[in-house]
Amino acid sequence: MTPRLSAPRTSPQTKPRRPRNAVVSKQALLKAAQSLFGQRGFEGTTIRDIGESAGVDPALIARYFGSKAELYIAAVVAEAQVDHSSSDFEGLEDMTAAMVGRIDEQGLGPVTQALIRSDTRNEIRQAAQAHMARRMVAPMVADMTRRGVDAPRLRSEIVVSALIGINLGRALGWFDELKTVPKERLVDLVTALLDAS
């Protein structure tokens, strides 16, 4: 008589571990993070909780996202966005149109809020800064470097800062014309002004 193999035991709260698949594991972590951060907040959610809920090794958070704070930013951005990846921005006009469109449709996004709110935890603010640098500044630096523009990083940071300020002014209604100008006209004006830099 051959011995019977029993299925591995799992606690009711722990999902069985998934087979190794980077894309599936990353998506599972992101989905679990969205759910747990939504229920418990940043402080009340541990890396271990997220890994267990996703059914993957919690150490994969460091591999795929870098840190708990960066996973938090990824989770809130994924929840809020109908988004471009950085590679979709083909130039300043495209980036400006995407940022203005997002503000018009969704208001201030979670990354911008993390940057400007005084009550943001420092680690979340740093993750938001890194996200902004990766998605907005880095593609512009690459484009300016390719075109031989002087001081590409500084110029890119100035342009992105200006775009953030313009979008804040529009979203918060600081100036009458800025908040009412049609998106297409604003994109044309902003592109012409910033492209000169």
C-alpha atoms as a PDB file:
ATOM      1  CA  MET A   1       0.000   0.000   0.000  1.00  0.00           C
ATOM      2  CA  THR A   2       1.503   3.341  -1.040  1.00  0.00           C
ATOM      3  CA  PRO A   3       1.503   6.083   1.564  1.00  0.00           C
ATOM      4  CA  ARG A   4      -0.963   8.912   0.982  1.00  0.00           C
ATOM      5  CA  LEU A   5       0.463  12.348   0.525  1.00  0.00           C
ATOM      6  CA  SER A   6      -1.501  15.019   2.264  1.00  0.00           C
ATOM      7  CA  ALA A   7      -1.845  18.518   0.853  1.00  0.00           C
ATOM      8  CA  PRO A   8       0.273  21.152   2.572  1.00  0.00           C
ATOM      9  CA  ARG A   9      -1.561  22.920   5.334  1.00  0.00           C
ATOM     10  CA  THR A  10      -2.291  26.600   5.091  1.00  0.00           C
ATOM     11  CA  SER A  11      -3.786  28.829   7.729  1.00  0.00           C
ATOM     12  CA  PRO A  12      -7.189  30.263   6.869  1.00  0.00           C
ATOM     13  CA  GLN A  13      -5.675  33.751   6.492  1.00  0.00           C
ATOM     14  CA  THR A  14      -2.652  32.703   4.471  1.00  0.00           C
ATOM     15  CA  LYS A  15      -3.080  31.963   0.793  1.00  0.00           C
ATOM     16  CA  PRO A  16      -1.044  29.094  -0.644  1.00  0.00           C
ATOM     17  CA  ARG A  17       2.140  30.276  -2.325  1.00  0.00           C
ATOM     18  CA  ARG A  18       1.887  30.878  -6.061  1.00  0.00           C
ATOM     19  CA  PRO A  19       4.294  29.258  -8.514  1.00  0.00           C
ATOM     20  CA  ARG A  20       7.136  31.587  -9.535  1.00  0.00           C
ATOM     21  CA  ASN A  21       6.022  33.991 -12.255  1.00  0.00           C
ATOM     22  CA  ALA A  22       7.378  37.522 -12.035  1.00  0.00           C
ATOM     23  CA  VAL A  23       4.466  39.278 -13.748  1.00  0.00           C
ATOM     24  CA  VAL A  24       1.813  37.341 -11.816  1.00  0.00           C
ATOM     25  CA  SER A  25       3.651  37.811  -8.504  1.00  0.00           C
ATOM     26  CA  LYS A  26       4.111  41.539  -9.030  1.00  0.00           C
ATOM     27  CA  GLN A  27       0.427  42.014  -9.917  1.00  0.00           C
ATOM     28  CA  ALA A  28      -0.646  39.916  -6.925  1.00  0.00           C
ATOM     29  CA  LEU A  29       1.473  42.071  -4.594  1.00  0.00           C
ATOM     30  CA  LEU A  30       0.069  45.263  -6.111  1.00  0.00           C
ATOM     31  CA  LYS A  31      -3.528  44.046  -5.790  1.00  0.00           C
ATOM     32  CA  ALA A  32      -2.989  42.888  -2.200  1.00  0.00           C
ATOM     33  CA  ALA A  33      -1.324  46.196  -1.337  1.00  0.00           C
ATOM     34  CA  GLN A  34      -4.236  48.196  -2.783  1.00  0.00           C
ATOM     35  CA  SER A  35      -6.691  46.213  -0.711  1.00  0.00           C
ATOM     36  CA  LEU A  36      -4.733  46.231   2.558  1.00  0.00           C
ATOM     37  CA  PHE A  37      -3.575  49.857   2.372  1.00  0.00           C
ATOM     38  CA  GLY A  38      -7.187  50.798   1.628  1.00  0.00           C
ATOM     39  CA  GLN A  39      -8.458  48.896   4.672  1.00  0.00           C
ATOM     40  CA  ARG A  40      -5.672  49.521   7.188  1.00  0.00           C
ATOM     41  CA  GLY A  41      -3.660  52.474   5.903  1.00  0.00           C
ATOM     42  CA  PHE A  42       0.104  52.628   5.456  1.00  0.00           C
ATOM     43  CA  GLU A  43       1.001  52.241   9.139  1.00  0.00           C
ATOM     44  CA  GLY A  44      -1.396  49.374   9.781  1.00  0.00           C
ATOM     45  CA  THR A  45      -0.153  47.235   6.893  1.00  0.00           C
ATOM     46  CA  THR A  46       3.040  45.195   7.087  1.00  0.00           C
ATOM     47  CA  ILE A  47       5.158  43.781   4.290  1.00  0.00           C
ATOM     48  CA  ARG A  48       4.422  40.331   5.665  1.00  0.00           C
ATOM     49  CA  ASP A  49       0.641  40.981   5.506  1.00  0.00           C
ATOM     50  CA  ILE A  50       0.928  41.972   1.846  1.00  0.00           C
ATOM     51  CA  GLY A  51       3.025  38.925   0.939  1.00  0.00           C
ATOM     52  CA  GLU A  52       0.660  36.555   2.737  1.00  0.00           C
ATOM     53  CA  SER A  53      -2.419  38.115   1.141  1.00  0.00           C
ATOM     54  CA  ALA A  54      -0.783  37.905  -2.298  1.00  0.00           C
ATOM     55  CA  GLY A  55       0.392  34.333  -1.723  1.00  0.00           C
ATOM     56  CA  VAL A  56       4.010  35.196  -2.545  1.00  0.00           C
ATOM     57  CA  ASP A  57       7.252  35.694  -0.652  1.00  0.00           C
ATOM     58  CA  PRO A  58       7.141  39.178   0.959  1.00  0.00           C
ATOM     59  CA  ALA A  59      10.829  39.601   0.054  1.00  0.00           C
ATOM     60  CA  LEU A  60       9.676  40.062  -3.556  1.00  0.00           C
ATOM     61  CA  ILE A  61       8.371  43.516  -2.571  1.00  0.00           C
ATOM     62  CA  ALA A  62      11.976  44.727  -2.375  1.00  0.00           C
ATOM     63  CA  ARG A  63      12.778  43.163  -5.751  1.00  0.00           C
ATOM     64  CA  TYR A  64       9.768  44.505  -7.658  1.00  0.00           C
ATOM     65  CA  PHE A  65       9.031  47.800  -5.877  1.00  0.00           C
ATOM     66  CA  GLY A  66      12.051  48.720  -3.750  1.00  0.00           C
ATOM     67  CA  SER A  67      10.310  49.387  -0.432  1.00  0.00           C
ATOM     68  CA  LYS A  68       6.959  49.444   1.312  1.00  0.00           C
ATOM     69  CA  ALA A  69       6.675  53.196   0.622  1.00  0.00           C
ATOM     70  CA  GLU A  70       7.361  52.709  -3.091  1.00  0.00           C
ATOM     71  CA  LEU A  71       4.776  49.905  -3.193  1.00  0.00           C
ATOM     72  CA  TYR A  72       2.315  52.292  -1.513  1.00  0.00           C
ATOM     73  CA  ILE A  73       2.916  54.908  -4.228  1.00  0.00           C
ATOM     74  CA  ALA A  74       2.592  52.236  -6.932  1.00  0.00           C
ATOM     75  CA  ALA A  75      -0.674  51.045  -5.376  1.00  0.00           C
ATOM     76  CA  VAL A  76      -2.314  54.455  -5.114  1.00  0.00           C
ATOM     77  CA  VAL A  77      -1.126  55.489  -8.577  1.00  0.00           C
ATOM     78  CA  ALA A  78      -2.404  52.247 -10.138  1.00  0.00           C
ATOM     79  CA  GLU A  79      -5.752  52.799  -8.408  1.00  0.00           C
ATOM     80  CA  ALA A  80      -6.138  56.385  -9.562  1.00  0.00           C
ATOM     81  CA  GLN A  81      -4.667  56.368 -13.008  1.00  0.00           C
ATOM     82  CA  VAL A  82      -5.594  56.036 -16.558  1.00  0.00           C
ATOM     83  CA  ASP A  83      -1.931  56.555 -17.116  1.00  0.00           C
ATOM     84  CA  HIS A  84       0.963  56.732 -19.552  1.00  0.00           C
ATOM     85  CA  SER A  85       4.173  54.923 -18.790  1.00  0.00           C
ATOM     86  CA  SER A  86       7.235  57.163 -19.014  1.00  0.00           C
ATOM     87  CA  SER A  87       8.128  55.710 -22.406  1.00  0.00           C
ATOM     88  CA  ASP A  88       4.818  56.999 -23.819  1.00  0.00           C
ATOM     89  CA  PHE A  89       5.911  60.618 -23.423  1.00  0.00           C
ATOM     90  CA  GLU A  90       7.413  61.482 -26.780  1.00  0.00           C
ATOM     91  CA  GLY A  91       8.140  65.099 -25.928  1.00  0.00           C
ATOM     92  CA  LEU A  92       7.176  68.131 -23.893  1.00  0.00           C
ATOM     93  CA  GLU A  93       3.825  68.624 -25.627  1.00  0.00           C
ATOM     94  CA  ASP A  94       2.798  65.022 -24.977  1.00  0.00           C
ATOM     95  CA  MET A  95       3.851  65.256 -21.324  1.00  0.00           C
ATOM     96  CA  THR A  96       2.042  68.580 -20.857  1.00  0.00           C
ATOM     97  CA  ALA A  97      -1.141  67.246 -22.471  1.00  0.00           C
ATOM     98  CA  ALA A  98      -1.060  64.151 -20.250  1.00  0.00           C
ATOM     99  CA  MET A  99      -0.548  66.158 -17.045  1.00  0.00           C
ATOM    100  CA  VAL A 100      -3.177  68.798 -17.841  1.00  0.00           C
ATOM    101  CA  GLY A 101      -5.645  66.122 -18.972  1.00  0.00           C
ATOM    102  CA  ARG A 102      -5.162  64.128 -15.798  1.00  0.00           C
ATOM    103  CA  ILE A 103      -5.718  67.190 -13.606  1.00  0.00           C
ATOM    104  CA  ASP A 104      -8.854  68.129 -15.564  1.00  0.00           C
ATOM    105  CA  GLU A 105     -10.304  64.604 -15.330  1.00  0.00           C
ATOM    106  CA  GLN A 106      -9.178  63.433 -11.894  1.00  0.00           C
ATOM    107  CA  GLY A 107      -7.928  66.445  -9.934  1.00  0.00           C
ATOM    108  CA  LEU A 108      -4.655  66.329  -8.053  1.00  0.00           C
ATOM    109  CA  GLY A 109      -3.296  62.795  -8.194  1.00  0.00           C
ATOM    110  CA  PRO A 110      -1.880  60.843  -5.255  1.00  0.00           C
ATOM    111  CA  VAL A 111       1.753  61.517  -6.166  1.00  0.00           C
ATOM    112  CA  THR A 112       1.242  65.292  -6.350  1.00  0.00           C
ATOM    113  CA  GLN A 113      -0.690  65.185  -3.087  1.00  0.00           C
ATOM    114  CA  ALA A 114       2.095  63.198  -1.444  1.00  0.00           C
ATOM    115  CA  LEU A 115       4.560  65.884  -2.554  1.00  0.00           C
ATOM    116  CA  ILE A 116       2.594  68.946  -1.409  1.00  0.00           C
ATOM    117  CA  ARG A 117       0.737  67.856   1.741  1.00  0.00           C
ATOM    118  CA  SER A 118       2.376  68.767   5.026  1.00  0.00           C
ATOM    119  CA  ASP A 119       1.147  65.582   6.748  1.00  0.00           C
ATOM    120  CA  THR A 120       2.789  63.150   4.289  1.00  0.00           C
ATOM    121  CA  ARG A 121       5.174  60.685   5.932  1.00  0.00           C
ATOM    122  CA  ASN A 122       8.748  61.386   4.898  1.00  0.00           C
ATOM    123  CA  GLU A 123       9.294  57.936   3.374  1.00  0.00           C
ATOM    124  CA  ILE A 124       6.147  58.281   1.248  1.00  0.00           C
ATOM    125  CA  ARG A 125       7.223  61.782   0.121  1.00  0.00           C
ATOM    126  CA  GLN A 126      10.633  60.391  -0.881  1.00  0.00           C
ATOM    127  CA  ALA A 127       8.986  57.555  -2.811  1.00  0.00           C
ATOM    128  CA  ALA A 128       6.727  60.096  -4.563  1.00  0.00           C
ATOM    129  CA  GLN A 129       9.771  62.212  -5.454  1.00  0.00           C
ATOM    130  CA  ALA A 130      11.532  59.151  -6.855  1.00  0.00           C
ATOM    131  CA  HIS A 131       8.413  58.245  -8.846  1.00  0.00           C
ATOM    132  CA  MET A 132       8.173  61.766 -10.300  1.00  0.00           C
ATOM    133  CA  ALA A 133      11.884  61.792 -11.157  1.00  0.00           C
ATOM    134  CA  ARG A 134      11.623  58.395 -12.868  1.00  0.00           C
ATOM    135  CA  ARG A 135       8.448  59.121 -14.840  1.00  0.00           C
ATOM    136  CA  MET A 136       8.765  62.798 -15.657  1.00  0.00           C
ATOM    137  CA  VAL A 137      12.325  64.069 -15.240  1.00  0.00           C
ATOM    138  CA  ALA A 138      14.304  61.089 -16.550  1.00  0.00           C
ATOM    139  CA  PRO A 139      12.570  60.876 -19.969  1.00  0.00           C
ATOM    140  CA  MET A 140      13.041  64.615 -20.468  1.00  0.00           C
ATOM    141  CA  VAL A 141      16.722  64.401 -19.468  1.00  0.00           C
ATOM    142  CA  ALA A 142      17.205  61.595 -22.004  1.00  0.00           C
ATOM    143  CA  ASP A 143      15.493  63.646 -24.727  1.00  0.00           C
ATOM    144  CA  MET A 144      17.484  66.810 -23.971  1.00  0.00           C
ATOM    145  CA  THR A 145      20.751  64.876 -23.777  1.00  0.00           C
ATOM    146  CA  ARG A 146      20.047  63.285 -27.155  1.00  0.00           C
ATOM    147  CA  ARG A 147      19.424  66.749 -28.618  1.00  0.00           C
ATOM    148  CA  GLY A 148      22.608  68.168 -27.052  1.00  0.00           C
ATOM    149  CA  VAL A 149      20.808  70.657 -24.785  1.00  0.00           C
ATOM    150  CA  ASP A 150      22.985  72.274 -22.092  1.00  0.00           C
ATOM    151  CA  ALA A 151      22.336  71.298 -18.408  1.00  0.00           C
ATOM    152  CA  PRO A 152      19.654  68.716 -19.258  1.00  0.00           C
ATOM    153  CA  ARG A 153      18.882  67.605 -15.677  1.00  0.00           C
ATOM    154  CA  LEU A 154      18.483  71.127 -14.309  1.00  0.00           C
ATOM    155  CA  ARG A 155      16.361  72.191 -17.280  1.00  0.00           C
ATOM    156  CA  SER A 156      14.203  69.075 -16.945  1.00  0.00           C
ATOM    157  CA  GLU A 157      13.651  69.657 -13.229  1.00  0.00           C
ATOM    158  CA  ILE A 158      12.687  73.298 -13.927  1.00  0.00           C
ATOM    159  CA  VAL A 159      10.216  72.244 -16.634  1.00  0.00           C
ATOM    160  CA  VAL A 160       8.607  69.529 -14.468  1.00  0.00           C
ATOM    161  CA  SER A 161       8.397  71.931 -11.499  1.00  0.00           C
ATOM    162  CA  ALA A 162       6.737  74.522 -13.726  1.00  0.00           C
ATOM    163  CA  LEU A 163       4.243  71.938 -15.012  1.00  0.00           C
ATOM    164  CA  ILE A 164       3.377  70.904 -11.455  1.00  0.00           C
ATOM    165  CA  GLY A 165       2.869  74.556 -10.470  1.00  0.00           C
ATOM    166  CA  ILE A 166       0.695  75.283 -13.502  1.00  0.00           C
ATOM    167  CA  ASN A 167      -1.428  72.233 -12.782  1.00  0.00           C
ATOM    168  CA  LEU A 168      -1.767  73.150  -9.108  1.00  0.00           C
ATOM    169  CA  GLY A 169      -2.907  76.638 -10.096  1.00  0.00           C
ATOM    170  CA  ARG A 170      -5.466  75.193 -12.503  1.00  0.00           C
ATOM    171  CA  ALA A 171      -6.771  72.521 -10.126  1.00  0.00           C
ATOM    172  CA  LEU A 172      -7.031  74.859  -7.136  1.00  0.00           C
ATOM    173  CA  GLY A 173      -8.452  77.788  -9.116  1.00  0.00           C
ATOM    174  CA  TRP A 174      -5.720  80.282  -8.223  1.00  0.00           C
ATOM    175  CA  PHE A 175      -6.224  82.382 -11.370  1.00  0.00           C
ATOM    176  CA  ASP A 176      -9.415  82.960 -13.340  1.00  0.00           C
ATOM    177  CA  GLU A 177      -8.063  82.545 -16.874  1.00  0.00           C
ATOM    178  CA  LEU A 178      -5.811  79.631 -15.969  1.00  0.00           C
ATOM    179  CA  LYS A 179      -8.696  77.619 -14.534  1.00  0.00           C
ATOM    180  CA  THR A 180     -11.031  78.290 -17.492  1.00  0.00           C
ATOM    181  CA  VAL A 181      -8.727  78.192 -20.520  1.00  0.00           C
ATOM    182  CA  PRO A 182      -9.482  75.169 -22.751  1.00  0.00           C
ATOM    183  CA  LYS A 183      -7.026  72.323 -22.322  1.00  0.00           C
ATOM    184  CA  GLU A 184      -5.753  72.462 -25.929  1.00  0.00           C
ATOM    185  CA  ARG A 185      -4.983  76.201 -25.701  1.00  0.00           C
ATOM    186  CA  LEU A 186      -3.225  75.735 -22.356  1.00  0.00           C
ATOM    187  CA  VAL A 187      -1.099  72.886 -23.725  1.00  0.00           C
ATOM    188  CA  ASP A 188      -0.050  75.034 -26.719  1.00  0.00           C
ATOM    189  CA  LEU A 189       0.866  78.027 -24.528  1.00  0.00           C
ATOM    190  CA  VAL A 190       2.717  75.976 -21.905  1.00  0.00           C
ATOM    191  CA  THR A 191       4.628  74.016 -24.547  1.00  0.00           C
ATOM    192  CA  ALA A 192       5.699  77.215 -26.316  1.00  0.00           C
ATOM    193  CA  LEU A 193       6.822  78.821 -23.033  1.00  0.00           C
ATOM    194  CA  LEU A 194       8.681  75.821 -21.624  1.00  0.00           C
ATOM    195  CA  ASP A 195      10.176  74.635 -24.900  1.00  0.00           C
ATOM    196  CA  ALA A 196      12.065  77.909 -25.081  1.00  0.00           C
ATOM    197  CA  SER A 197      13.964  76.883 -21.965  1.00  0.00           C
END
